């Protein structure tokens, strides 16, 4: 047997799969999220997880700005969307 074919067969042999049970509603929702009809469940779930999880941590500056924004909100230093829209003449 040629080495490339042997490596391919070994990869296929060692690929693990897990079966999970989904409620019919969950299956429908997962199917609706597929990028195309032939996208596998694994591909769909990995794409969604890639969107939801950002492996790059927030910088100290960003964390500080978030804290400052939260402090402003707690102190009442904020405006509603309606107030801003009215100020800009969008209402």
Protein backbone atom coordinates (compact mmCIF):
# COMPACT_ATOMS: atom_id res chain seq x y z
CA UNK A 1 0.00 0.00 0.00
CA UNK A 2 1.32 3.45 -0.89
CA UNK A 3 2.23 5.75 2.02
CA UNK A 4 -0.24 8.53 1.07
CA UNK A 5 -3.15 6.11 0.95
CA UNK A 6 -2.08 4.56 4.26
CA UNK A 7 -1.95 7.99 5.93
CA UNK A 8 -5.38 8.85 4.54
CA UNK A 9 -6.83 5.59 5.83
CA UNK A 10 -5.23 6.15 9.24
CA UNK A 11 -6.74 9.65 9.40
CA UNK A 12 -10.15 8.30 8.54
CA UNK A 13 -9.79 5.53 11.13
CA UNK A 14 -8.81 7.91 13.93
CA UNK A 15 -11.39 10.58 13.15
CA UNK A 16 -13.77 10.63 16.07
CA UNK A 17 -17.44 11.38 15.79
CA UNK A 18 -20.07 11.82 18.43
CA UNK A 19 -23.79 11.39 18.10
CA UNK A 20 -26.02 13.89 19.85
CA UNK A 21 -29.77 13.92 20.19
CA UNK A 22 -31.55 17.06 19.06
CA UNK A 23 -35.13 18.08 19.58
CA UNK A 24 -36.97 18.51 16.26
CA UNK A 25 -37.13 22.28 16.83
CA UNK A 26 -33.36 22.40 17.41
CA UNK A 27 -32.75 20.38 14.23
CA UNK A 28 -34.91 22.84 12.27
CA UNK A 29 -33.05 25.82 13.71
CA UNK A 30 -29.66 24.22 12.94
CA UNK A 31 -30.76 23.43 9.38
CA UNK A 32 -31.93 27.03 8.94
CA UNK A 33 -28.44 28.27 9.90
CA UNK A 34 -26.65 26.27 7.21
CA UNK A 35 -24.77 28.39 4.67
CA UNK A 36 -25.77 25.94 1.93
CA UNK A 37 -27.80 22.70 1.86
CA UNK A 38 -24.69 20.48 1.68
CA UNK A 39 -23.01 22.09 4.71
CA UNK A 40 -22.50 19.43 7.38
CA UNK A 41 -23.69 19.88 10.95
CA UNK A 42 -20.04 19.96 12.01
CA UNK A 43 -19.25 22.75 9.56
CA UNK A 44 -22.34 24.72 10.62
CA UNK A 45 -21.56 24.42 14.33
CA UNK A 46 -17.90 25.33 13.85
CA UNK A 47 -18.86 28.38 11.78
CA UNK A 48 -21.26 29.54 14.50
CA UNK A 49 -18.69 28.94 17.25
CA UNK A 50 -16.08 30.90 15.26
CA UNK A 51 -18.51 33.84 15.12
CA UNK A 52 -19.31 33.65 18.84
CA UNK A 53 -15.81 33.12 20.19
CA UNK A 54 -13.03 35.62 19.63
CA UNK A 55 -9.73 34.08 20.78
CA UNK A 56 -8.02 37.48 20.95
CA UNK A 57 -8.37 38.92 24.47
CA UNK A 58 -9.52 42.49 24.96
CA UNK A 59 -6.73 45.00 25.47
CA UNK A 60 -6.30 46.82 28.78
CA UNK A 61 -7.34 50.04 27.04
CA UNK A 62 -10.56 48.46 25.77
CA UNK A 63 -11.37 47.00 29.20
CA UNK A 64 -10.78 50.43 30.76
CA UNK A 65 -13.07 52.11 28.23
CA UNK A 66 -15.79 49.53 28.92
CA UNK A 67 -15.51 50.20 32.65
CA UNK A 68 -15.72 53.94 32.03
CA UNK A 69 -18.83 53.49 29.90
CA UNK A 70 -20.49 51.33 32.55
CA UNK A 71 -19.66 53.92 35.21
CA UNK A 72 -21.20 56.64 33.02
CA UNK A 73 -24.39 54.59 32.64
CA UNK A 74 -24.62 53.90 36.37
CA UNK A 75 -24.19 57.62 37.08
CA UNK A 76 -26.92 58.52 34.62
CA UNK A 77 -24.55 60.09 32.11
CA UNK A 78 -26.27 58.64 29.08
CA UNK A 79 -29.08 59.40 26.63
CA UNK A 80 -31.73 57.19 25.13
CA UNK A 81 -31.88 56.39 21.45
CA UNK A 82 -35.10 58.38 21.26
CA UNK A 83 -33.37 61.49 22.68
CA UNK A 84 -30.53 61.22 20.18
CA UNK A 85 -32.93 60.63 17.26
CA UNK A 86 -34.97 63.68 18.27
CA UNK A 87 -31.82 65.79 18.59
CA UNK A 88 -30.76 64.74 15.09
CA UNK A 89 -34.23 65.43 13.70
CA UNK A 90 -34.87 61.78 12.87
CA UNK A 91 -38.25 61.65 14.63
